[in-house]
Amino acid sequence: ELAGDRLRQLPAGQYKVENEILKTKRDNIKMLIRLPETLILHIESPVE
């Protein structure tokens, strides 16, 4: 969807909002995929 033409056809303001929403969704999904490693590292690290 980010690479497609649908977003480019939107008015500038709507394009920016929808583009940022999609980027945020993408980043959140990537964080969910890495969640086990993040939790493991947090548990194993002896920091306060």
ModelCIF file with pLDDT and N, C-alpha, C, O atoms, coordinates in Angstrom:
data_MODEL
#
_entry.id   MODEL 
#
_entity.id                         1 
_entity.type                       polymer 
_entity.pdbx_number_of_molecules   1 
#
_entity_poly.entity_id                      1 
_entity_poly.type                           'polypeptide(L)' 
_entity_poly.nstd_linkage                   no 
_entity_poly.nstd_monomer                   no 
_entity_poly.pdbx_seq_one_letter_code       ELAGDRLRQLPAGQYKVENEILKTKRDNIKMLIRLPETLILHIESPVE 
_entity_poly.pdbx_seq_one_letter_code_can   ELAGDRLRQLPAGQYKVENEILKTKRDNIKMLIRLPETLILHIESPVE 
_entity_poly.pdbx_strand_id                 A 
#
loop_
_entity_poly_seq.entity_id 
_entity_poly_seq.num 
_entity_poly_seq.mon_id 
_entity_poly_seq.hetero 
1 1  GLU n 
1 2  LEU n 
1 3  ALA n 
1 4  GLY n 
1 5  ASP n 
1 6  ARG n 
1 7  LEU n 
1 8  ARG n 
1 9  GLN n 
1 10 LEU n 
1 11 PRO n 
1 12 ALA n 
1 13 GLY n 
1 14 GLN n 
1 15 TYR n 
1 16 LYS n 
1 17 VAL n 
1 18 GLU n 
1 19 ASN n 
1 20 GLU n 
1 21 ILE n 
1 22 LEU n 
1 23 LYS n 
1 24 THR n 
1 25 LYS n 
1 26 ARG n 
1 27 ASP n 
1 28 ASN n 
1 29 ILE n 
1 30 LYS n 
1 31 MET n 
1 32 LEU n 
1 33 ILE n 
1 34 ARG n 
1 35 LEU n 
1 36 PRO n 
1 37 GLU n 
1 38 THR n 
1 39 LEU n 
1 40 ILE n 
1 41 LEU n 
1 42 HIS n 
1 43 ILE n 
1 44 GLU n 
1 45 SER n 
1 46 PRO n 
1 47 VAL n 
1 48 GLU n 
#
_struct_asym.id          A 
_struct_asym.entity_id   1 
#
loop_
_ma_qa_metric.id 
_ma_qa_metric.mode 
_ma_qa_metric.name 
_ma_qa_metric.software_group_id 
_ma_qa_metric.type 
1 global pLDDT . pLDDT 
2 local  pLDDT . pLDDT 
#
_ma_qa_metric_global.metric_id      1 
_ma_qa_metric_global.metric_value   90.19 
_ma_qa_metric_global.model_id       1 
_ma_qa_metric_global.ordinal_id     1 
#
loop_
_ma_qa_metric_local.label_asym_id 
_ma_qa_metric_local.label_comp_id 
_ma_qa_metric_local.label_seq_id 
_ma_qa_metric_local.metric_id 
_ma_qa_metric_local.metric_value 
_ma_qa_metric_local.model_id 
_ma_qa_metric_local.ordinal_id 
A GLU 1  2 95.00 1 1  
A LEU 2  2 93.00 1 2  
A ALA 3  2 93.00 1 3  
A GLY 4  2 91.00 1 4  
A ASP 5  2 92.00 1 5  
A ARG 6  2 92.00 1 6  
A LEU 7  2 91.00 1 7  
A ARG 8  2 91.00 1 8  
A GLN 9  2 93.00 1 9  
A LEU 10 2 93.00 1 10 
A PRO 11 2 94.00 1 11 
A ALA 12 2 94.00 1 12 
A GLY 13 2 95.00 1 13 
A GLN 14 2 95.00 1 14 
A TYR 15 2 94.00 1 15 
A LYS 16 2 95.00 1 16 
A VAL 17 2 95.00 1 17 
A GLU 18 2 95.00 1 18 
A ASN 19 2 95.00 1 19 
A GLU 20 2 95.00 1 20 
A ILE 21 2 96.00 1 21 
A LEU 22 2 96.00 1 22 
A LYS 23 2 95.00 1 23 
A THR 24 2 95.00 1 24 
A LYS 25 2 96.00 1 25 
A ARG 26 2 96.00 1 26 
A ASP 27 2 95.00 1 27 
A ASN 28 2 95.00 1 28 
A ILE 29 2 96.00 1 29 
A LYS 30 2 95.00 1 30 
A MET 31 2 94.00 1 31 
A LEU 32 2 94.00 1 32 
A ILE 33 2 94.00 1 33 
A ARG 34 2 92.00 1 34 
A LEU 35 2 91.00 1 35 
A PRO 36 2 90.00 1 36 
A GLU 37 2 89.00 1 37 
A THR 38 2 86.00 1 38 
A LEU 39 2 86.00 1 39 
A ILE 40 2 87.00 1 40 
A LEU 41 2 86.00 1 41 
A HIS 42 2 82.00 1 42 
A ILE 43 2 84.00 1 43 
A GLU 44 2 82.00 1 44 
A SER 45 2 78.00 1 45 
A PRO 46 2 58.00 1 46 
A VAL 47 2 64.00 1 47 
A GLU 48 2 66.00 1 48 
#
loop_
_atom_site.group_PDB 
_atom_site.id 
_atom_site.type_symbol 
_atom_site.label_atom_id 
_atom_site.label_alt_id 
_atom_site.label_comp_id 
_atom_site.label_asym_id 
_atom_site.label_entity_id 
_atom_site.label_seq_id 
_atom_site.pdbx_PDB_ins_code 
_atom_site.Cartn_x 
_atom_site.Cartn_y 
_atom_site.Cartn_z 
_atom_site.occupancy 
_atom_site.B_iso_or_equiv 
_atom_site.pdbx_formal_charge 
_atom_site.auth_seq_id 
_atom_site.auth_comp_id 
_atom_site.auth_asym_id 
_atom_site.auth_atom_id 
_atom_site.pdbx_PDB_model_num 
ATOM 1   N N  . GLU A 1 1  ? 0.827  -1.204  0.000  1.00 95.00 ? 1  GLU A N  1 
ATOM 2   C CA . GLU A 1 1  ? 0.000  0.000   0.000  1.00 95.00 ? 1  GLU A CA 1 
ATOM 3   C C  . GLU A 1 1  ? 0.865  1.259   0.000  1.00 95.00 ? 1  GLU A C  1 
ATOM 4   O O  . GLU A 1 1  ? 0.535  2.240   -0.667 1.00 95.00 ? 1  GLU A O  1 
ATOM 5   N N  . LEU A 1 2  ? 1.961  1.234   0.740  1.00 93.00 ? 2  LEU A N  1 
ATOM 6   C CA . LEU A 1 2  ? 2.871  2.383   0.747  1.00 93.00 ? 2  LEU A CA 1 
ATOM 7   C C  . LEU A 1 2  ? 3.507  2.601   -0.625 1.00 93.00 ? 2  LEU A C  1 
ATOM 8   O O  . LEU A 1 2  ? 3.752  3.741   -1.021 1.00 93.00 ? 2  LEU A O  1 
ATOM 9   N N  . ALA A 1 3  ? 3.774  1.524   -1.344 1.00 93.00 ? 3  ALA A N  1 
ATOM 10  C CA . ALA A 1 3  ? 4.410  1.623   -2.655 1.00 93.00 ? 3  ALA A CA 1 
ATOM 11  C C  . ALA A 1 3  ? 3.401  1.828   -3.785 1.00 93.00 ? 3  ALA A C  1 
ATOM 12  O O  . ALA A 1 3  ? 3.777  2.168   -4.906 1.00 93.00 ? 3  ALA A O  1 
ATOM 13  N N  . GLY A 1 4  ? 2.133  1.622   -3.487 1.00 91.00 ? 4  GLY A N  1 
ATOM 14  C CA . GLY A 1 4  ? 1.110  1.697   -4.523 1.00 91.00 ? 4  GLY A CA 1 
ATOM 15  C C  . GLY A 1 4  ? 0.736  3.118   -4.918 1.00 91.00 ? 4  GLY A C  1 
ATOM 16  O O  . GLY A 1 4  ? 1.250  4.094   -4.372 1.00 91.00 ? 4  GLY A O  1 
ATOM 17  N N  . ASP A 1 5  ? -0.166 3.205   -5.873 1.00 92.00 ? 5  ASP A N  1 
ATOM 18  C CA . ASP A 1 5  ? -0.592 4.495   -6.419 1.00 92.00 ? 5  ASP A CA 1 
ATOM 19  C C  . ASP A 1 5  ? -1.745 5.133   -5.657 1.00 92.00 ? 5  ASP A C  1 
ATOM 20  O O  . ASP A 1 5  ? -1.979 6.333   -5.796 1.00 92.00 ? 5  ASP A O  1 
ATOM 21  N N  . ARG A 1 6  ? -2.469 4.363   -4.858 1.00 92.00 ? 6  ARG A N  1 
ATOM 22  C CA . ARG A 1 6  ? -3.652 4.891   -4.187 1.00 92.00 ? 6  ARG A CA 1 
ATOM 23  C C  . ARG A 1 6  ? -3.325 6.106   -3.330 1.00 92.00 ? 6  ARG A C  1 
ATOM 24  O O  . ARG A 1 6  ? -4.039 7.108   -3.374 1.00 92.00 ? 6  ARG A O  1 
ATOM 25  N N  . LEU A 1 7  ? -2.259 6.026   -2.557 1.00 91.00 ? 7  LEU A N  1 
ATOM 26  C CA . LEU A 1 7  ? -1.894 7.137   -1.676 1.00 91.00 ? 7  LEU A CA 1 
ATOM 27  C C  . LEU A 1 7  ? -1.502 8.378   -2.465 1.00 91.00 ? 7  LEU A C  1 
ATOM 28  O O  . LEU A 1 7  ? -1.832 9.499   -2.076 1.00 91.00 ? 7  LEU A O  1 
ATOM 29  N N  . ARG A 1 8  ? -0.812 8.180   -3.548 1.00 91.00 ? 8  ARG A N  1 
ATOM 30  C CA . ARG A 1 8  ? -0.331 9.318   -4.345 1.00 91.00 ? 8  ARG A CA 1 
ATOM 31  C C  . ARG A 1 8  ? -1.465 10.113  -4.971 1.00 91.00 ? 8  ARG A C  1 
ATOM 32  O O  . ARG A 1 8  ? -1.281 11.278  -5.326 1.00 91.00 ? 8  ARG A O  1 
ATOM 33  N N  . GLN A 1 9  ? -2.613 9.511   -5.110 1.00 93.00 ? 9  GLN A N  1 
ATOM 34  C CA . GLN A 1 9  ? -3.751 10.188  -5.717 1.00 93.00 ? 9  GLN A CA 1 
ATOM 35  C C  . GLN A 1 9  ? -4.551 11.018  -4.712 1.00 93.00 ? 9  GLN A C  1 
ATOM 36  O O  . GLN A 1 9  ? -5.478 11.732  -5.094 1.00 93.00 ? 9  GLN A O  1 
ATOM 37  N N  . LEU A 1 10 ? -4.197 10.927  -3.441 1.00 93.00 ? 10 LEU A N  1 
ATOM 38  C CA . LEU A 1 10 ? -4.920 11.650  -2.399 1.00 93.00 ? 10 LEU A CA 1 
ATOM 39  C C  . LEU A 1 10 ? -4.444 13.095  -2.311 1.00 93.00 ? 10 LEU A C  1 
ATOM 40  O O  . LEU A 1 10 ? -3.320 13.408  -2.704 1.00 93.00 ? 10 LEU A O  1 
ATOM 41  N N  . PRO A 1 11 ? -5.303 13.977  -1.794 1.00 94.00 ? 11 PRO A N  1 
ATOM 42  C CA . PRO A 1 11 ? -4.856 15.351  -1.532 1.00 94.00 ? 11 PRO A CA 1 
ATOM 43  C C  . PRO A 1 11 ? -3.673 15.328  -0.555 1.00 94.00 ? 11 PRO A C  1 
ATOM 44  O O  . PRO A 1 11 ? -3.535 14.384  0.222  1.00 94.00 ? 11 PRO A O  1 
ATOM 45  N N  . ALA A 1 12 ? -2.836 16.341  -0.590 1.00 94.00 ? 12 ALA A N  1 
ATOM 46  C CA . ALA A 1 12 ? -1.584 16.364  0.176  1.00 94.00 ? 12 ALA A CA 1 
ATOM 47  C C  . ALA A 1 12 ? -1.787 16.086  1.665  1.00 94.00 ? 12 ALA A C  1 
ATOM 48  O O  . ALA A 1 12 ? -1.064 15.274  2.242  1.00 94.00 ? 12 ALA A O  1 
ATOM 49  N N  . GLY A 1 13 ? -2.747 16.738  2.284  1.00 95.00 ? 13 GLY A N  1 
ATOM 50  C CA . GLY A 1 13 ? -2.979 16.553  3.712  1.00 95.00 ? 13 GLY A CA 1 
ATOM 51  C C  . GLY A 1 13 ? -3.400 15.138  4.053  1.00 95.00 ? 13 GLY A C  1 
ATOM 52  O O  . GLY A 1 13 ? -2.896 14.540  5.004  1.00 95.00 ? 13 GLY A O  1 
ATOM 53  N N  . GLN A 1 14 ? -4.324 14.608  3.274  1.00 95.00 ? 14 GLN A N  1 
ATOM 54  C CA . GLN A 1 14 ? -4.795 13.242  3.514  1.00 95.00 ? 14 GLN A CA 1 
ATOM 55  C C  . GLN A 1 14 ? -3.688 12.232  3.221  1.00 95.00 ? 14 GLN A C  1 
ATOM 56  O O  . GLN A 1 14 ? -3.561 11.221  3.912  1.00 95.00 ? 14 GLN A O  1 
ATOM 57  N N  . TYR A 1 15 ? -2.885 12.513  2.186  1.00 94.00 ? 15 TYR A N  1 
ATOM 58  C CA . TYR A 1 15 ? -1.760 11.637  1.862  1.00 94.00 ? 15 TYR A CA 1 
ATOM 59  C C  . TYR A 1 15 ? -0.806 11.546  3.053  1.00 94.00 ? 15 TYR A C  1 
ATOM 60  O O  . TYR A 1 15 ? -0.391 10.455  3.444  1.00 94.00 ? 15 TYR A O  1 
ATOM 61  N N  . LYS A 1 16 ? -0.464 12.704  3.624  1.00 95.00 ? 16 LYS A N  1 
ATOM 62  C CA . LYS A 1 16 ? 0.475  12.720  4.744  1.00 95.00 ? 16 LYS A CA 1 
ATOM 63  C C  . LYS A 1 16 ? -0.062 11.934  5.929  1.00 95.00 ? 16 LYS A C  1 
ATOM 64  O O  . LYS A 1 16 ? 0.672  11.154  6.537  1.00 95.00 ? 16 LYS A O  1 
ATOM 65  N N  . VAL A 1 17 ? -1.333 12.128  6.265  1.00 95.00 ? 17 VAL A N  1 
ATOM 66  C CA . VAL A 1 17 ? -1.925 11.432  7.406  1.00 95.00 ? 17 VAL A CA 1 
ATOM 67  C C  . VAL A 1 17 ? -1.944 9.925   7.167  1.00 95.00 ? 17 VAL A C  1 
ATOM 68  O O  . VAL A 1 17 ? -1.492 9.155   8.014  1.00 95.00 ? 17 VAL A O  1 
ATOM 69  N N  . GLU A 1 18 ? -2.459 9.508   6.027  1.00 95.00 ? 18 GLU A N  1 
ATOM 70  C CA . GLU A 1 18 ? -2.556 8.063   5.754  1.00 95.00 ? 18 GLU A CA 1 
ATOM 71  C C  . GLU A 1 18 ? -1.179 7.419   5.621  1.00 95.00 ? 18 GLU A C  1 
ATOM 72  O O  . GLU A 1 18 ? -0.979 6.281   6.048  1.00 95.00 ? 18 GLU A O  1 
ATOM 73  N N  . ASN A 1 19 ? -0.236 8.141   5.033  1.00 95.00 ? 19 ASN A N  1 
ATOM 74  C CA . ASN A 1 19 ? 1.120  7.626   4.905  1.00 95.00 ? 19 ASN A CA 1 
ATOM 75  C C  . ASN A 1 19 ? 1.747  7.423   6.286  1.00 95.00 ? 19 ASN A C  1 
ATOM 76  O O  . ASN A 1 19 ? 2.381  6.398   6.536  1.00 95.00 ? 19 ASN A O  1 
ATOM 77  N N  . GLU A 1 20 ? 1.572  8.388   7.173  1.00 95.00 ? 20 GLU A N  1 
ATOM 78  C CA . GLU A 1 20 ? 2.127  8.270   8.530  1.00 95.00 ? 20 GLU A CA 1 
ATOM 79  C C  . GLU A 1 20 ? 1.441  7.143   9.307  1.00 95.00 ? 20 GLU A C  1 
ATOM 80  O O  . GLU A 1 20 ? 2.098  6.433   10.067 1.00 95.00 ? 20 GLU A O  1 
ATOM 81  N N  . ILE A 1 21 ? 0.152  6.975   9.127  1.00 96.00 ? 21 ILE A N  1 
ATOM 82  C CA . ILE A 1 21 ? -0.566 5.884   9.800  1.00 96.00 ? 21 ILE A CA 1 
ATOM 83  C C  . ILE A 1 21 ? -0.015 4.536   9.336  1.00 96.00 ? 21 ILE A C  1 
ATOM 84  O O  . ILE A 1 21 ? 0.230  3.648   10.152 1.00 96.00 ? 21 ILE A O  1 
ATOM 85  N N  . LEU A 1 22 ? 0.178  4.387   8.032  1.00 96.00 ? 22 LEU A N  1 
ATOM 86  C CA . LEU A 1 22 ? 0.706  3.123   7.511  1.00 96.00 ? 22 LEU A CA 1 
ATOM 87  C C  . LEU A 1 22 ? 2.137  2.869   7.997  1.00 96.00 ? 22 LEU A C  1 
ATOM 88  O O  . LEU A 1 22 ? 2.486  1.735   8.326  1.00 96.00 ? 22 LEU A O  1 
ATOM 89  N N  . LYS A 1 23 ? 2.958  3.911   8.044  1.00 95.00 ? 23 LYS A N  1 
ATOM 90  C CA . LYS A 1 23 ? 4.326  3.750   8.543  1.00 95.00 ? 23 LYS A CA 1 
ATOM 91  C C  . LYS A 1 23 ? 4.316  3.339   10.012 1.00 95.00 ? 23 LYS A C  1 
ATOM 92  O O  . LYS A 1 23 ? 5.111  2.497   10.430 1.00 95.00 ? 23 LYS A O  1 
ATOM 93  N N  . THR A 1 24 ? 3.416  3.933   10.793 1.00 95.00 ? 24 THR A N  1 
ATOM 94  C CA . THR A 1 24 ? 3.319  3.581   12.207 1.00 95.00 ? 24 THR A CA 1 
ATOM 95  C C  . THR A 1 24 ? 2.845  2.141   12.373 1.00 95.00 ? 24 THR A C  1 
ATOM 96  O O  . THR A 1 24 ? 3.367  1.410   13.215 1.00 95.00 ? 24 THR A O  1 
ATOM 97  N N  . LYS A 1 25 ? 1.859  1.727   11.576 1.00 96.00 ? 25 LYS A N  1 
ATOM 98  C CA . LYS A 1 25 ? 1.407  0.337   11.617 1.00 96.00 ? 25 LYS A CA 1 
ATOM 99  C C  . LYS A 1 25 ? 2.563  -0.603  11.274 1.00 96.00 ? 25 LYS A C  1 
ATOM 100 O O  . LYS A 1 25 ? 2.757  -1.627  11.929 1.00 96.00 ? 25 LYS A O  1 
ATOM 101 N N  . ARG A 1 26 ? 3.317  -0.248  10.252 1.00 96.00 ? 26 ARG A N  1 
ATOM 102 C CA . ARG A 1 26 ? 4.462  -1.065  9.841  1.00 96.00 ? 26 ARG A CA 1 
ATOM 103 C C  . ARG A 1 26 ? 5.472  -1.194  10.981 1.00 96.00 ? 26 ARG A C  1 
ATOM 104 O O  . ARG A 1 26 ? 5.944  -2.291  11.281 1.00 96.00 ? 26 ARG A O  1 
ATOM 105 N N  . ASP A 1 27 ? 5.795  -0.073  11.609 1.00 95.00 ? 27 ASP A N  1 
ATOM 106 C CA . ASP A 1 27 ? 6.758  -0.092  12.711 1.00 95.00 ? 27 ASP A CA 1 
ATOM 107 C C  . ASP A 1 27 ? 6.241  -0.905  13.895 1.00 95.00 ? 27 ASP A C  1 
ATOM 108 O O  . ASP A 1 27 ? 7.005  -1.632  14.530 1.00 95.00 ? 27 ASP A O  1 
ATOM 109 N N  . ASN A 1 28 ? 4.950  -0.787  14.194 1.00 95.00 ? 28 ASN A N  1 
ATOM 110 C CA . ASN A 1 28 ? 4.368  -1.548  15.298 1.00 95.00 ? 28 ASN A CA 1 
ATOM 111 C C  . ASN A 1 28 ? 4.406  -3.047  15.026 1.00 95.00 ? 28 ASN A C  1 
ATOM 112 O O  . ASN A 1 28 ? 4.679  -3.835  15.932 1.00 95.00 ? 28 ASN A O  1 
ATOM 113 N N  . ILE A 1 29 ? 4.138  -3.439  13.805 1.00 96.00 ? 29 ILE A N  1 
ATOM 114 C CA . ILE A 1 29 ? 4.197  -4.859  13.453 1.00 96.00 ? 29 ILE A CA 1 
ATOM 115 C C  . ILE A 1 29 ? 5.625  -5.380  13.587 1.00 96.00 ? 29 ILE A C  1 
ATOM 116 O O  . ILE A 1 29 ? 5.841  -6.480  14.096 1.00 96.00 ? 29 ILE A O  1 
ATOM 117 N N  . LYS A 1 30 ? 6.594  -4.598  13.134 1.00 95.00 ? 30 LYS A N  1 
ATOM 118 C CA . LYS A 1 30 ? 7.991  -5.011  13.267 1.00 95.00 ? 30 LYS A CA 1 
ATOM 119 C C  . LYS A 1 30 ? 8.370  -5.166  14.736 1.00 95.00 ? 30 LYS A C  1 
ATOM 120 O O  . LYS A 1 30 ? 9.100  -6.089  15.096 1.00 95.00 ? 30 LYS A O  1 
ATOM 121 N N  . MET A 1 31 ? 7.876  -4.265  15.587 1.00 94.00 ? 31 MET A N  1 
ATOM 122 C CA . MET A 1 31 ? 8.154  -4.374  17.018 1.00 94.00 ? 31 MET A CA 1 
ATOM 123 C C  . MET A 1 31 ? 7.505  -5.616  17.616 1.00 94.00 ? 31 MET A C  1 
ATOM 124 O O  . MET A 1 31 ? 8.093  -6.267  18.479 1.00 94.00 ? 31 MET A O  1 
ATOM 125 N N  . LEU A 1 32 ? 6.299  -5.948  17.163 1.00 94.00 ? 32 LEU A N  1 
ATOM 126 C CA . LEU A 1 32 ? 5.646  -7.159  17.661 1.00 94.00 ? 32 LEU A CA 1 
ATOM 127 C C  . LEU A 1 32 ? 6.431  -8.401  17.275 1.00 94.00 ? 32 LEU A C  1 
ATOM 128 O O  . LEU A 1 32 ? 6.550  -9.334  18.069 1.00 94.00 ? 32 LEU A O  1 
ATOM 129 N N  . ILE A 1 33 ? 6.963  -8.419  16.073 1.00 94.00 ? 33 ILE A N  1 
ATOM 130 C CA . ILE A 1 33 ? 7.752  -9.565  15.623 1.00 94.00 ? 33 ILE A CA 1 
ATOM 131 C C  . ILE A 1 33 ? 8.991  -9.728  16.494 1.00 94.00 ? 33 ILE A C  1 
ATOM 132 O O  . ILE A 1 33 ? 9.408  -10.852 16.775 1.00 94.00 ? 33 ILE A O  1 
ATOM 133 N N  . ARG A 1 34 ? 9.583  -8.611  16.923 1.00 92.00 ? 34 ARG A N  1 
ATOM 134 C CA . ARG A 1 34 ? 10.791 -8.656  17.757 1.00 92.00 ? 34 ARG A CA 1 
ATOM 135 C C  . ARG A 1 34 ? 10.488 -8.763  19.245 1.00 92.00 ? 34 ARG A C  1 
ATOM 136 O O  . ARG A 1 34 ? 11.419 -8.830  20.048 1.00 92.00 ? 34 ARG A O  1 
ATOM 137 N N  . LEU A 1 35 ? 9.237  -8.781  19.636 1.00 91.00 ? 35 LEU A N  1 
ATOM 138 C CA . LEU A 1 35 ? 8.868  -8.743  21.051 1.00 91.00 ? 35 LEU A CA 1 
ATOM 139 C C  . LEU A 1 35 ? 9.517  -9.847  21.892 1.00 91.00 ? 35 LEU A C  1 
ATOM 140 O O  . LEU A 1 35 ? 9.997  -9.545  22.985 1.00 91.00 ? 35 LEU A O  1 
ATOM 141 N N  . PRO A 1 36 ? 9.560  -11.105 21.447 1.00 90.00 ? 36 PRO A N  1 
ATOM 142 C CA . PRO A 1 36 ? 10.209 -12.127 22.282 1.00 90.00 ? 36 PRO A CA 1 
ATOM 143 C C  . PRO A 1 36 ? 11.671 -11.797 22.585 1.00 90.00 ? 36 PRO A C  1 
ATOM 144 O O  . PRO A 1 36 ? 12.116 -11.945 23.723 1.00 90.00 ? 36 PRO A O  1 
ATOM 145 N N  . GLU A 1 37 ? 12.429 -11.344 21.560 1.00 89.00 ? 37 GLU A N  1 
ATOM 146 C CA . GLU A 1 37 ? 13.830 -11.004 21.800 1.00 89.00 ? 37 GLU A CA 1 
ATOM 147 C C  . GLU A 1 37 ? 13.950 -9.846  22.787 1.00 89.00 ? 37 GLU A C  1 
ATOM 148 O O  . GLU A 1 37 ? 14.830 -9.842  23.648 1.00 89.00 ? 37 GLU A O  1 
ATOM 149 N N  . THR A 1 38 ? 13.066 -8.873  22.657 1.00 86.00 ? 38 THR A N  1 
ATOM 150 C CA . THR A 1 38 ? 13.090 -7.725  23.556 1.00 86.00 ? 38 THR A CA 1 
ATOM 151 C C  . THR A 1 38 ? 12.825 -8.162  24.989 1.00 86.00 ? 38 THR A C  1 
ATOM 152 O O  . THR A 1 38 ? 13.519 -7.734  25.912 1.00 86.00 ? 38 THR A O  1 
ATOM 153 N N  . LEU A 1 39 ? 11.827 -9.010  25.174 1.00 86.00 ? 39 LEU A N  1 
ATOM 154 C CA . LEU A 1 39 ? 11.510 -9.486  26.523 1.00 86.00 ? 39 LEU A CA 1 
ATOM 155 C C  . LEU A 1 39 ? 12.622 -10.359 27.091 1.00 86.00 ? 39 LEU A C  1 
ATOM 156 O O  . LEU A 1 39 ? 12.964 -10.233 28.267 1.00 86.00 ? 39 LEU A O  1 
ATOM 157 N N  . ILE A 1 40 ? 13.184 -11.235 26.281 1.00 87.00 ? 40 ILE A N  1 
ATOM 158 C CA . ILE A 1 40 ? 14.276 -12.097 26.731 1.00 87.00 ? 40 ILE A CA 1 
ATOM 159 C C  . ILE A 1 40 ? 15.465 -11.253 27.170 1.00 87.00 ? 40 ILE A C  1 
ATOM 160 O O  . ILE A 1 40 ? 16.051 -11.491 28.226 1.00 87.00 ? 40 ILE A O  1 
ATOM 161 N N  . LEU A 1 41 ? 15.816 -10.267 26.353 1.00 86.00 ? 41 LEU A N  1 
ATOM 162 C CA . LEU A 1 41 ? 16.937 -9.405  26.700 1.00 86.00 ? 41 LEU A CA 1 
ATOM 163 C C  . LEU A 1 41 ? 16.651 -8.653  27.998 1.00 86.00 ? 41 LEU A C  1 
ATOM 164 O O  . LEU A 1 41 ? 17.547 -8.493  28.827 1.00 86.00 ? 41 LEU A O  1 
ATOM 165 N N  . HIS A 1 42 ? 15.440 -8.201  28.179 1.00 82.00 ? 42 HIS A N  1 
ATOM 166 C CA . HIS A 1 42 ? 15.068 -7.484  29.396 1.00 82.00 ? 42 HIS A CA 1 
ATOM 167 C C  . HIS A 1 42 ? 15.170 -8.393  30.625 1.00 82.00 ? 42 HIS A C  1 
ATOM 168 O O  . HIS A 1 42 ? 15.634 -7.969  31.684 1.00 82.00 ? 42 HIS A O  1 
ATOM 169 N N  . ILE A 1 43 ? 14.740 -9.620  30.476 1.00 84.00 ? 43 ILE A N  1 
ATOM 170 C CA . ILE A 1 43 ? 14.783 -10.567 31.591 1.00 84.00 ? 43 ILE A CA 1 
ATOM 171 C C  . ILE A 1 43 ? 16.225 -10.959 31.922 1.00 84.00 ? 43 ILE A C  1 
ATOM 172 O O  . ILE A 1 43 ? 16.590 -11.064 33.093 1.00 84.00 ? 43 ILE A O  1 
ATOM 173 N N  . GLU A 1 44 ? 17.035 -11.172 30.896 1.00 82.00 ? 44 GLU A N  1 
ATOM 174 C CA . GLU A 1 44 ? 18.403 -11.627 31.099 1.00 82.00 ? 44 GLU A CA 1 
ATOM 175 C C  . GLU A 1 44 ? 19.357 -10.526 31.543 1.00 82.00 ? 44 GLU A C  1 
ATOM 176 O O  . GLU A 1 44 ? 20.390 -10.814 32.148 1.00 82.00 ? 44 GLU A O  1 
ATOM 177 N N  . SER A 1 45 ? 19.032 -9.285  31.254 1.00 78.00 ? 45 SER A N  1 
ATOM 178 C CA . SER A 1 45 ? 19.958 -8.207  31.612 1.00 78.00 ? 45 SER A CA 1 
ATOM 179 C C  . SER A 1 45 ? 19.856 -7.914  33.103 1.00 78.00 ? 45 SER A C  1 
ATOM 180 O O  . SER A 1 45 ? 18.760 -7.727  33.631 1.00 78.00 ? 45 SER A O  1 
ATOM 181 N N  . PRO A 1 46 ? 20.998 -7.874  33.777 1.00 58.00 ? 46 PRO A N  1 
ATOM 182 C CA . PRO A 1 46 ? 20.982 -7.677  35.225 1.00 58.00 ? 46 PRO A CA 1 
ATOM 183 C C  . PRO A 1 46 ? 20.918 -6.203  35.639 1.00 58.00 ? 46 PRO A C  1 
ATOM 184 O O  . PRO A 1 46 ? 21.325 -5.858  36.749 1.00 58.00 ? 46 PRO A O  1 
ATOM 185 N N  . VAL A 1 47 ? 20.424 -5.355  34.785 1.00 64.00 ? 47 VAL A N  1 
ATOM 186 C CA . VAL A 1 47 ? 20.320 -3.933  35.117 1.00 64.00 ? 47 VAL A CA 1 
ATOM 187 C C  . VAL A 1 47 ? 19.173 -3.708  36.086 1.00 64.00 ? 47 VAL A C  1 
ATOM 188 O O  . VAL A 1 47 ? 18.250 -4.517  36.184 1.00 64.00 ? 47 VAL A O  1 
ATOM 189 N N  . GLU A 1 48 ? 19.248 -2.607  36.790 1.00 66.00 ? 48 GLU A N  1 
ATOM 190 C CA . GLU A 1 48 ? 18.177 -2.302  37.731 1.00 66.00 ? 48 GLU A CA 1 
ATOM 191 C C  . GLU A 1 48 ? 16.872 -2.083  36.968 1.00 66.00 ? 48 GLU A C  1 
ATOM 192 O O  . GLU A 1 48 ? 15.839 -1.812  37.579 1.00 66.00 ? 48 GLU A O  1 
#
